[in-house]
Structures are given as structure tokens and as C-alpha cells.
Amino acid sequence: MQEDSEILAISAAITAVIQLGGFVVAYALKTEVFYDVLGGLNFLSLCIYSAIEGSSAYSWDEDPRKISFSVIFSCSRLWLLIFLAYRAHGRGGDSRFDEVKGNFFVFLFYWIFQALWVFCISLPLIFVNSSDHSTEFSVFDYITIIGFGIGVVLEVSADIQKTLWVNAGRQGRFCQVGVWKYSRHPNYFGEILQWWSAWGFSYRSGSGAGDVQWWIGILSPLLTMQILLFTSGTGVANANGKGLKRYYDACPEEYTDYRKKTSILIPMIGYQYVPLFLKRTIFLDLKSYEYKPEEVDDNPDKVEKGGETPEDYKSININ
């Protein structure tokens, strides 16, 4: 059995070898087909390695905390691998790489970023599997592992429901089937819920609130939120703002009504009754996600920000 810090270091080395090796082959062939595949295989390799080498008074298959966490983690990452591969195949490739496959440094950055993403997301898993602490479930463990599982089920359900809706011809112009009726981005909420729950579950694998490695594991949910909520070109930030123009052009009244009644992340009923200050804070329905038409004409009633009339602005704002 190896020490926790050694397992962490070797996990980082495994990730570096997989991603940099993948970059070398992908750059030589000028292709991105290995990118998502190696991301998924990287996750699974860290799960297997940490399960085999993790130090414990019990073997891995005798520890219910490690078994349950590893199984749910593997299901989550295996689904992501399958879904991204299916989507890329359906689109005939990954458009993110169209302009960068021939640029050595930019293409390398993508692979380095994936290495950091895989490693950081996996931190709670590595911590749990390398721990020699209690194997018994506590009430808090049950709450967080159930939250982890719910997050996986929610993400998978949302992805499947939207895929079926797209394949059926995008009826209604924007997706309102299944969980999409109660959340504008249920797949992203499922992903965020997973890693906050995973980090919470890993708490009892350490020595308490003063355990440095447990605190390092918070990078898992924080990086997930940064990518899905605040990084331009992807996630919620990409789907909102200017990305909403197609809906306001095609079906402004229907989409305005949907946006007012539907939470941006947490699936729920009665969102239209939530005060605006709560939407902007704990619900993360940020002002930057609003659609602001930029066209300006001679109408003296135009407001300063966004160029829309007061009446137009009411139809576009979430409140």
C-alpha cells in the first residue's frame, strides 16, 4: 500500500503521460478524435489505480465507502465519454478544434487544460480511495453519496431527453421535455451537484476540517462551476447572453414566458415567484446571462443599456 501523497503524485503523473502522449499523436495526425476518449480513459485509469493502491486496513472490495464512490464516479465519467463521442460523431467532428489542430501551442493548451480538469475533478476520488479512515457509512455519507448519484442520474436523463428531442425535429423550437421543463440547464446542474456531493462525501476520508488534502479537493466542484458557469464559449455562459438571440428572433413571447417560469439550474416549480435578488445570488441567474439586443434606432425611449425599449426589456429580463 502506498502513502496518500504518493498516490496523489503518481495520479498526476499518469494524467500527464496520458494527455501529453495523446497530444503528440493527435498533433502528428492533425486530429481531435482522441481528445474526449483519452479524457474518459484518464478518469477511469485514476479510479482503477487509486482503488488498487489505496492504503486501508481493508482491501478495496471490503470497503463500502470506496466501492460506492468508485462505482458512481465510473458511471458518471463513462457516460460523459459515451455522450461526447456520440455527439462528436453526429456532428462529424469537434468544431472546437477546427482552427487549432495545426497550431502547436494552442492545441497543446487544450490537452494541458484537459489534464488539469481530469486531475482536479478526480481529487475527491483519489482522496477517498487512498484513505485508511472509517469504512462505515454515516448519515452525512448517505446524504452526499445519494446527492452524487442523483447528480449523475439527472445529467444522464437530461442529455438523453434533449438528444431524443433534437432527433425528433426540435418540436417547440426550444427544449421543454422532461427535466428541461423545470430547468433551463438541468445537465449542468447535475454535473455541479455531482462534484459538490463528491467533495462532501470525501470529508470523512480525512482527519477533519483541518485536512489539507480534503481542502485541495474543493478544486473539483469549483473548477466545474468555473467551466460551466463563467467560461465563455462553453456551458451556461455560451448558451445565454448573445446565444439567446435565436429564441428571441424566432419565438420571443414563448421563450420569455419559459425563461420567467424556469430556473436556470435547479429543477423546480414556482420559479417565477422567486424574488430577483435571490435569482441573482443563490440561484445564479446572473445579469450577464440576459439577452441584450445591441441594435439602436432613433426611438427616444430607448434605455441606455442594451438598446431596448422599457417594454422590450420587461420581456427579456428574468423577473
Protein backbone atom coordinates (compact mmCIF):
# COMPACT_ATOMS: atom_id res chain seq x y z
CA MET A 1 0.00 0.00 0.00
CA GLN A 2 1.28 3.48 -0.81
CA GLU A 3 1.02 6.73 1.13
CA ASP A 4 -1.74 9.24 0.26
CA SER A 5 0.73 11.84 -1.07
CA GLU A 6 2.50 9.25 -3.23
CA ILE A 7 -0.80 8.09 -4.75
CA LEU A 8 -1.70 11.72 -5.47
CA ALA A 9 1.66 12.35 -7.16
CA ILE A 10 1.51 9.18 -9.26
CA SER A 11 -2.08 10.04 -10.27
CA ALA A 12 -0.80 13.39 -11.53
CA ALA A 13 1.99 11.62 -13.42
CA ILE A 14 -0.46 9.14 -15.00
CA THR A 15 -2.61 12.06 -16.15
CA ALA A 16 0.39 13.90 -17.63
CA VAL A 17 1.55 10.82 -19.55
CA ILE A 18 -1.92 10.10 -20.98
CA GLN A 19 -2.67 13.68 -22.03
CA LEU A 20 0.77 14.67 -23.34
CA GLY A 21 1.08 11.33 -25.14
CA GLY A 22 -2.34 11.92 -26.65
CA PHE A 23 -1.29 15.39 -27.77
CA VAL A 24 1.83 14.11 -29.53
CA VAL A 25 -0.15 11.56 -31.57
CA ALA A 26 -3.08 13.92 -32.21
CA TYR A 27 -0.82 16.76 -33.37
CA ALA A 28 1.12 14.44 -35.67
CA LEU A 29 -2.11 13.22 -37.25
CA LYS A 30 -3.84 16.64 -37.07
CA THR A 31 -6.93 15.14 -35.47
CA GLU A 32 -9.02 15.63 -32.33
CA VAL A 33 -10.64 12.19 -32.31
CA PHE A 34 -8.55 11.03 -29.35
CA TYR A 35 -9.34 14.03 -27.16
CA ASP A 36 -12.58 13.05 -25.41
CA VAL A 37 -11.70 9.34 -25.49
CA LEU A 38 -8.46 9.90 -23.61
CA GLY A 39 -10.23 12.24 -21.20
CA GLY A 40 -12.66 9.46 -20.30
CA LEU A 41 -9.96 6.77 -20.15
CA ASN A 42 -7.87 9.06 -17.95
CA PHE A 43 -10.71 9.31 -15.41
CA LEU A 44 -11.19 5.54 -15.36
CA SER A 45 -7.45 4.85 -15.06
CA LEU A 46 -7.21 7.09 -11.98
CA CYS A 47 -10.18 5.30 -10.46
CA ILE A 48 -8.62 1.87 -11.03
CA TYR A 49 -5.14 2.93 -9.90
CA SER A 50 -6.29 4.62 -6.68
CA ALA A 51 -8.56 1.65 -5.86
CA ILE A 52 -5.69 -0.83 -6.25
CA GLU A 53 -3.00 1.16 -4.45
CA GLY A 54 -5.11 2.90 -1.80
CA SER A 55 -3.95 2.22 1.75
CA SER A 56 -6.54 0.81 4.13
CA ALA A 57 -6.97 -1.66 6.93
CA TYR A 58 -9.30 -3.42 4.49
CA SER A 59 -8.90 -4.27 0.83
CA TRP A 60 -10.84 -2.07 -1.59
CA ASP A 61 -13.58 -4.65 -2.13
CA GLU A 62 -14.25 -4.76 1.62
CA ASP A 63 -14.76 -1.02 1.97
CA PRO A 64 -18.36 0.04 1.11
CA ARG A 65 -17.48 3.74 1.02
CA LYS A 66 -14.77 3.22 -1.57
CA ILE A 67 -16.84 0.79 -3.62
CA SER A 68 -19.92 3.04 -3.79
CA PHE A 69 -17.91 6.17 -4.58
CA SER A 70 -15.80 4.46 -7.27
CA VAL A 71 -18.83 2.86 -8.95
CA ILE A 72 -20.78 6.12 -9.16
CA PHE A 73 -17.67 8.01 -10.29
CA SER A 74 -17.03 5.45 -13.05
CA CYS A 75 -20.66 5.57 -14.22
CA SER A 76 -20.50 9.37 -14.37
CA ARG A 77 -17.29 9.51 -16.39
CA LEU A 78 -18.19 6.58 -18.62
CA TRP A 79 -21.44 8.31 -19.55
CA LEU A 80 -19.60 11.55 -20.32
CA LEU A 81 -17.21 9.66 -22.57
CA ILE A 82 -20.05 7.92 -24.43
CA PHE A 83 -22.13 11.07 -24.80
CA LEU A 84 -19.30 13.29 -26.05
CA ALA A 85 -18.19 10.63 -28.51
CA TYR A 86 -21.77 10.22 -29.78
CA ARG A 87 -22.23 13.97 -30.15
CA ALA A 88 -18.92 14.45 -31.94
CA HIS A 89 -19.76 11.58 -34.31
CA GLY A 90 -23.18 13.09 -35.03
CA ARG A 91 -21.62 16.46 -35.80
CA GLY A 92 -18.86 14.99 -37.94
CA GLY A 93 -16.13 16.11 -35.55
CA ASP A 94 -15.50 18.67 -32.84
CA SER A 95 -15.68 22.24 -34.10
CA ARG A 96 -13.64 23.50 -31.14
CA PHE A 97 -10.52 22.19 -32.84
CA ASP A 98 -11.16 23.28 -36.42
CA GLU A 99 -8.83 26.28 -36.21
CA VAL A 100 -6.26 24.97 -33.71
CA LYS A 101 -5.23 21.46 -34.79
CA GLY A 102 -2.31 22.87 -36.79
CA ASN A 103 -1.19 25.34 -34.11
CA PHE A 104 1.26 23.55 -31.82
CA PHE A 105 0.95 25.76 -28.73
CA VAL A 106 -2.81 26.37 -28.86
CA PHE A 107 -3.54 22.69 -29.47
CA LEU A 108 -1.16 21.78 -26.63
CA PHE A 109 -3.04 24.16 -24.32
CA TYR A 110 -6.25 22.20 -24.92
CA TRP A 111 -4.55 18.98 -23.82
CA ILE A 112 -2.92 20.60 -20.80
CA PHE A 113 -6.28 22.03 -19.78
CA GLN A 114 -7.88 18.60 -20.06
CA ALA A 115 -5.10 17.16 -17.89
CA LEU A 116 -5.76 19.76 -15.19
CA TRP A 117 -9.53 19.22 -15.49
CA VAL A 118 -9.33 15.42 -15.17
CA PHE A 119 -6.91 15.55 -12.26
CA CYS A 120 -8.80 18.23 -10.32
CA ILE A 121 -12.21 16.58 -10.82
CA SER A 122 -10.72 13.29 -9.61
CA LEU A 123 -9.23 14.70 -6.40
CA PRO A 124 -12.11 13.57 -4.10
CA LEU A 125 -11.97 10.07 -5.60
CA ILE A 126 -8.21 9.79 -5.10
CA PHE A 127 -8.62 11.04 -1.53
CA VAL A 128 -11.34 8.50 -0.70
CA ASN A 129 -9.57 5.52 -2.28
CA SER A 130 -6.21 6.32 -0.69
CA SER A 131 -7.68 6.83 2.79
CA ASP A 132 -7.22 4.45 5.73
CA HIS A 133 -10.06 6.02 7.72
CA SER A 134 -13.50 4.67 8.62
CA THR A 135 -15.28 2.31 6.23
CA GLU A 136 -18.65 2.72 7.94
CA PHE A 137 -21.32 4.99 6.46
CA SER A 138 -22.52 7.96 8.48
CA VAL A 139 -25.74 9.91 7.92
CA PHE A 140 -23.72 12.60 6.16
CA ASP A 141 -22.14 9.94 3.92
CA TYR A 142 -25.58 8.69 2.90
CA ILE A 143 -26.75 12.22 2.10
CA THR A 144 -23.72 13.09 -0.02
CA ILE A 145 -23.43 9.76 -1.86
CA ILE A 146 -27.14 9.93 -2.70
CA GLY A 147 -26.59 13.51 -3.91
CA PHE A 148 -23.73 12.23 -6.08
CA GLY A 149 -25.97 9.56 -7.58
CA ILE A 150 -28.85 11.98 -8.15
CA GLY A 151 -26.48 14.31 -9.98
CA VAL A 152 -25.40 11.51 -12.32
CA VAL A 153 -28.99 10.38 -12.99
CA LEU A 154 -30.10 13.97 -13.61
CA GLU A 155 -27.29 14.67 -16.06
CA VAL A 156 -27.80 11.42 -17.96
CA SER A 157 -31.59 11.91 -18.10
CA ALA A 158 -31.24 15.50 -19.33
CA ASP A 159 -28.72 14.53 -22.03
CA ILE A 160 -30.88 11.66 -23.29
CA GLN A 161 -34.10 13.69 -23.24
CA LYS A 162 -32.57 16.54 -25.21
CA THR A 163 -30.92 14.19 -27.70
CA LEU A 164 -34.26 12.49 -28.38
CA TRP A 165 -35.91 15.91 -28.73
CA VAL A 166 -33.29 17.02 -31.24
CA ASN A 167 -33.61 13.79 -33.22
CA ALA A 168 -37.41 14.21 -33.27
CA GLY A 169 -37.08 17.56 -35.05
CA ARG A 170 -36.76 20.09 -32.20
CA GLN A 171 -40.51 20.48 -31.70
CA GLY A 172 -41.39 23.73 -29.96
CA ARG A 173 -38.11 25.42 -31.03
CA PHE A 174 -36.51 25.07 -27.58
CA CYS A 175 -36.39 22.02 -25.35
CA GLN A 176 -39.13 21.72 -22.71
CA VAL A 177 -39.33 17.93 -22.39
CA GLY A 178 -38.71 16.02 -19.17
CA VAL A 179 -36.48 17.85 -16.69
CA TRP A 180 -35.99 20.66 -19.20
CA LYS A 181 -39.48 21.82 -18.27
CA TYR A 182 -38.20 22.66 -14.79
CA SER A 183 -34.64 23.80 -15.50
CA ARG A 184 -33.03 25.61 -18.41
CA HIS A 185 -29.75 23.72 -17.87
CA PRO A 186 -30.51 20.54 -15.88
CA ASN A 187 -27.49 18.70 -17.29
CA TYR A 188 -25.13 21.36 -15.95
CA PHE A 189 -26.85 21.36 -12.58
CA GLY A 190 -26.44 17.58 -12.43
CA GLU A 191 -22.71 17.93 -13.11
CA ILE A 192 -22.27 20.63 -10.46
CA LEU A 193 -24.29 18.63 -7.90
CA GLN A 194 -22.08 15.60 -8.50
CA TRP A 195 -18.82 17.24 -7.57
CA TRP A 196 -20.06 19.20 -4.56
CA SER A 197 -21.56 15.95 -3.28
CA ALA A 198 -18.35 14.03 -4.07
CA TRP A 199 -16.24 16.57 -2.20
CA GLY A 200 -18.63 16.43 0.76
CA PHE A 201 -18.52 12.63 0.79
CA SER A 202 -14.71 12.68 0.92
CA TYR A 203 -14.75 14.63 4.21
CA ARG A 204 -14.76 11.53 6.43
CA SER A 205 -11.87 10.03 4.49
CA GLY A 206 -9.57 12.55 6.17
CA SER A 207 -8.74 13.81 9.63
CA GLY A 208 -11.42 16.51 9.69
CA ALA A 209 -11.75 20.14 8.71
CA GLY A 210 -8.01 20.69 9.07
CA ASP A 211 -7.06 18.07 6.49
CA VAL A 212 -5.18 19.88 3.72
CA GLN A 213 -5.77 17.22 1.07
CA TRP A 214 -9.51 17.35 1.68
CA TRP A 215 -9.48 21.11 1.16
CA ILE A 216 -7.45 20.71 -2.04
CA GLY A 217 -10.31 18.51 -3.26
CA ILE A 218 -12.62 21.54 -3.35
CA LEU A 219 -10.97 22.33 -6.68
CA SER A 220 -13.25 19.64 -8.12
CA PRO A 221 -16.58 21.48 -7.69
CA LEU A 222 -15.03 24.95 -8.03
CA LEU A 223 -13.40 24.17 -11.38
CA THR A 224 -16.64 22.56 -12.55
CA MET A 225 -18.58 25.71 -11.72
CA GLN A 226 -15.95 27.92 -13.34
CA ILE A 227 -16.13 25.97 -16.60
CA LEU A 228 -19.91 25.52 -16.72
CA LEU A 229 -20.99 28.94 -15.43
CA PHE A 230 -18.30 31.51 -16.13
CA THR A 231 -16.16 30.39 -19.07
CA SER A 232 -17.06 31.97 -22.40
CA GLY A 233 -17.52 29.61 -25.31
CA THR A 234 -18.93 26.80 -23.21
CA GLY A 235 -21.61 25.95 -20.65
CA VAL A 236 -24.21 28.38 -19.36
CA ALA A 237 -22.25 31.47 -20.40
CA ASN A 238 -22.17 30.29 -24.01
CA ALA A 239 -25.84 29.27 -24.11
CA ASN A 240 -27.08 32.58 -22.72
CA GLY A 241 -26.44 36.25 -23.49
CA LYS A 242 -25.98 36.60 -27.25
CA GLY A 243 -26.68 32.88 -27.57
CA LEU A 244 -30.36 33.59 -26.84
CA LYS A 245 -30.83 35.70 -29.96
CA ARG A 246 -32.15 32.76 -31.97
CA TYR A 247 -35.00 32.30 -29.48
CA TYR A 248 -35.92 35.96 -29.24
CA ASP A 249 -35.90 36.19 -33.03
CA ALA A 250 -37.96 33.03 -33.60
CA CYS A 251 -40.34 32.85 -30.64
CA PRO A 252 -39.87 35.83 -28.28
CA GLU A 253 -43.12 35.52 -26.34
CA GLU A 254 -42.88 31.77 -25.79
CA TYR A 255 -39.25 31.90 -24.73
CA THR A 256 -39.77 34.90 -22.48
CA ASP A 257 -42.52 33.04 -20.67
CA TYR A 258 -40.36 29.91 -20.37
CA ARG A 259 -37.43 31.93 -19.05
CA LYS A 260 -39.55 33.66 -16.41
CA LYS A 261 -41.02 30.41 -15.14
CA THR A 262 -37.98 28.15 -15.38
CA SER A 263 -34.94 28.07 -13.11
CA ILE A 264 -31.60 28.44 -14.81
CA LEU A 265 -30.13 25.45 -12.93
CA ILE A 266 -32.06 23.83 -10.06
CA PRO A 267 -35.13 21.93 -11.35
CA MET A 268 -38.10 23.41 -9.52
CA ILE A 269 -41.69 24.65 -9.71
CA GLY A 270 -42.71 28.25 -8.97
CA TYR A 271 -39.54 29.97 -10.14
CA GLN A 272 -41.50 33.00 -11.33
CA TYR A 273 -42.31 33.80 -7.70
CA VAL A 274 -38.69 33.84 -6.53
CA PRO A 275 -37.50 37.43 -5.76
CA LEU A 276 -34.99 38.85 -8.22
CA PHE A 277 -32.24 39.29 -5.60
CA LEU A 278 -32.42 35.54 -4.85
CA LYS A 279 -32.30 34.70 -8.55
CA ARG A 280 -29.18 36.83 -8.91
CA THR A 281 -27.45 35.21 -5.91
CA ILE A 282 -28.22 31.71 -4.69
CA PHE A 283 -29.93 30.67 -7.94
CA LEU A 284 -27.03 32.01 -10.06
CA ASP A 285 -29.33 33.53 -12.69
CA LEU A 286 -26.83 36.31 -13.33
CA LYS A 287 -27.45 39.56 -15.15
CA SER A 288 -24.67 38.68 -17.59
CA TYR A 289 -26.86 35.80 -18.84
CA GLU A 290 -29.59 38.19 -20.01
CA TYR A 291 -30.08 38.83 -23.70
CA LYS A 292 -29.26 42.47 -24.55
CA PRO A 293 -30.02 43.44 -28.16
CA GLU A 294 -27.38 45.85 -29.40
CA GLU A 295 -29.27 47.48 -32.22
CA VAL A 296 -30.06 51.18 -31.69
CA ASP A 297 -32.54 53.37 -33.57
CA ASP A 298 -33.98 56.87 -33.20
CA ASN A 299 -36.58 55.89 -30.59
CA PRO A 300 -36.11 58.38 -27.70
CA ASP A 301 -37.50 55.79 -25.26
CA LYS A 302 -34.51 53.50 -25.73
CA VAL A 303 -32.75 52.75 -22.45
CA GLU A 304 -29.00 53.15 -22.12
CA LYS A 305 -28.00 49.53 -21.59
CA GLY A 306 -28.88 47.08 -24.31
CA GLY A 307 -30.72 49.44 -26.66
CA GLU A 308 -34.20 48.05 -25.95
CA THR A 309 -37.31 49.97 -25.02
CA PRO A 310 -38.61 49.71 -21.44
CA GLU A 311 -41.39 47.40 -22.66
CA ASP A 312 -38.93 45.24 -24.59
CA TYR A 313 -36.69 44.99 -21.56
CA LYS A 314 -39.52 43.66 -19.43
CA SER A 315 -40.00 40.84 -21.90
CA ILE A 316 -36.33 39.95 -21.91
CA ASN A 317 -35.47 40.22 -18.21
CA ILE A 318 -35.96 37.18 -16.00
CA ASN A 319 -38.05 39.00 -13.41
